[in-house]
Amino acid sequence: MEYQRSDRVGDLLLELIAELLNREIRDPRVHFVTLTGARVSKDLRHATLYFTLLGDAQGRTEALAGLKSATGFIRSRVSKQLNLRFVPS
């Protein structure tokens, strides 16, 4: 099986978003988040990111809320870095 474009875009998204989480996002809820994988649809319009977190279940829900609140910021930064027609949601 070949290495498809959606896989390559997923790898790029994973790198960019991990860098954003480390350097630019100052939300303490996402401080211990580690991105583990990305799945991008074939049409490159939807992406699912997987993460792990040190801590308990309450920390996971807070981290998920922090990531959801940073979604707009992350998408805007990714759109400036990648040359894609559509930025995956």
Protein backbone atom coordinates (compact mmCIF):
# COMPACT_ATOMS: atom_id res chain seq x y z
CA MET A 1 0.00 0.00 0.00
CA GLU A 2 1.29 3.44 -0.86
CA TYR A 3 1.85 6.34 1.45
CA GLN A 4 -1.16 8.51 0.62
CA ARG A 5 -1.41 12.26 0.67
CA SER A 6 -3.82 12.23 3.60
CA ASP A 7 -1.17 10.37 5.63
CA ARG A 8 1.47 12.94 4.73
CA VAL A 9 -0.84 15.82 5.65
CA GLY A 10 -1.65 14.06 8.93
CA ASP A 11 2.04 13.82 9.76
CA LEU A 12 2.53 17.51 8.98
CA LEU A 13 -0.47 18.46 11.12
CA LEU A 14 0.86 16.41 13.99
CA GLU A 15 4.25 18.15 13.84
CA LEU A 16 2.81 21.66 13.54
CA ILE A 17 0.22 21.29 16.27
CA ALA A 18 2.70 19.67 18.66
CA GLU A 19 5.03 22.62 18.11
CA LEU A 20 2.16 25.06 18.70
CA LEU A 21 1.22 23.32 21.93
CA ASN A 22 4.80 23.56 23.19
CA ARG A 23 5.62 27.09 22.13
CA GLU A 24 2.56 29.29 21.64
CA ILE A 25 -0.42 27.98 23.58
CA ARG A 26 -0.21 29.18 27.17
CA ASP A 27 -3.31 27.40 28.50
CA PRO A 28 -2.29 25.41 31.62
CA ARG A 29 -4.94 22.78 30.86
CA VAL A 30 -2.96 21.53 27.86
CA HIS A 31 0.46 21.66 29.51
CA PHE A 32 0.91 17.88 29.80
CA VAL A 33 -0.75 16.88 26.51
CA THR A 34 1.24 14.68 24.14
CA LEU A 35 -0.06 14.18 20.60
CA THR A 36 0.18 10.56 19.50
CA GLY A 37 -1.47 10.34 16.09
CA ALA A 38 -3.52 11.99 13.39
CA ARG A 39 -6.08 10.65 10.96
CA VAL A 40 -7.09 12.82 8.00
CA SER A 41 -9.98 12.08 5.66
CA LYS A 42 -9.24 11.39 1.99
CA ASP A 43 -10.63 14.77 0.92
CA LEU A 44 -8.40 16.53 3.53
CA ARG A 45 -11.33 18.38 5.12
CA HIS A 46 -11.52 16.59 8.48
CA ALA A 47 -8.77 15.56 10.87
CA THR A 48 -8.85 13.62 14.12
CA LEU A 49 -5.94 14.04 16.50
CA TYR A 50 -5.18 11.58 19.26
CA PHE A 51 -3.45 12.55 22.48
CA THR A 52 -2.34 11.19 25.82
CA LEU A 53 -2.14 13.00 29.10
CA LEU A 54 -0.49 12.53 32.44
CA GLY A 55 -3.13 12.68 35.12
CA ASP A 56 -6.61 11.56 36.05
CA ALA A 57 -9.97 11.60 34.26
CA GLN A 58 -10.76 15.14 35.38
CA GLY A 59 -7.47 16.32 33.86
CA ARG A 60 -8.42 14.65 30.59
CA THR A 61 -11.73 16.46 30.38
CA GLU A 62 -10.05 19.78 31.22
CA ALA A 63 -7.35 19.16 28.61
CA LEU A 64 -9.99 18.33 26.02
CA ALA A 65 -11.83 21.56 26.88
CA GLY A 66 -8.57 23.49 26.57
CA LEU A 67 -7.86 21.96 23.18
CA LYS A 68 -11.36 22.71 21.95
CA SER A 69 -11.05 26.33 23.05
CA ALA A 70 -7.76 26.64 21.15
CA THR A 71 -9.15 25.12 17.93
CA GLY A 72 -9.61 28.44 16.13
CA PHE A 73 -6.10 29.61 17.01
CA ILE A 74 -4.60 26.29 15.93
CA ARG A 75 -6.47 26.29 12.61
CA SER A 76 -5.38 29.86 11.83
CA ARG A 77 -1.73 29.06 12.54
CA VAL A 78 -1.86 25.84 10.54
CA SER A 79 -3.42 27.64 7.57
CA LYS A 80 -0.49 30.09 7.55
CA GLN A 81 2.05 27.25 7.59
CA LEU A 82 0.52 24.77 5.14
CA ASN A 83 -0.32 25.49 1.55
CA LEU A 84 -3.67 23.69 1.37
CA ARG A 85 -6.94 24.68 -0.25
CA PHE A 86 -8.86 23.67 2.87
CA VAL A 87 -7.57 23.53 6.43
CA PRO A 88 -8.88 20.36 8.10
CA SER A 89 -11.41 20.92 10.84
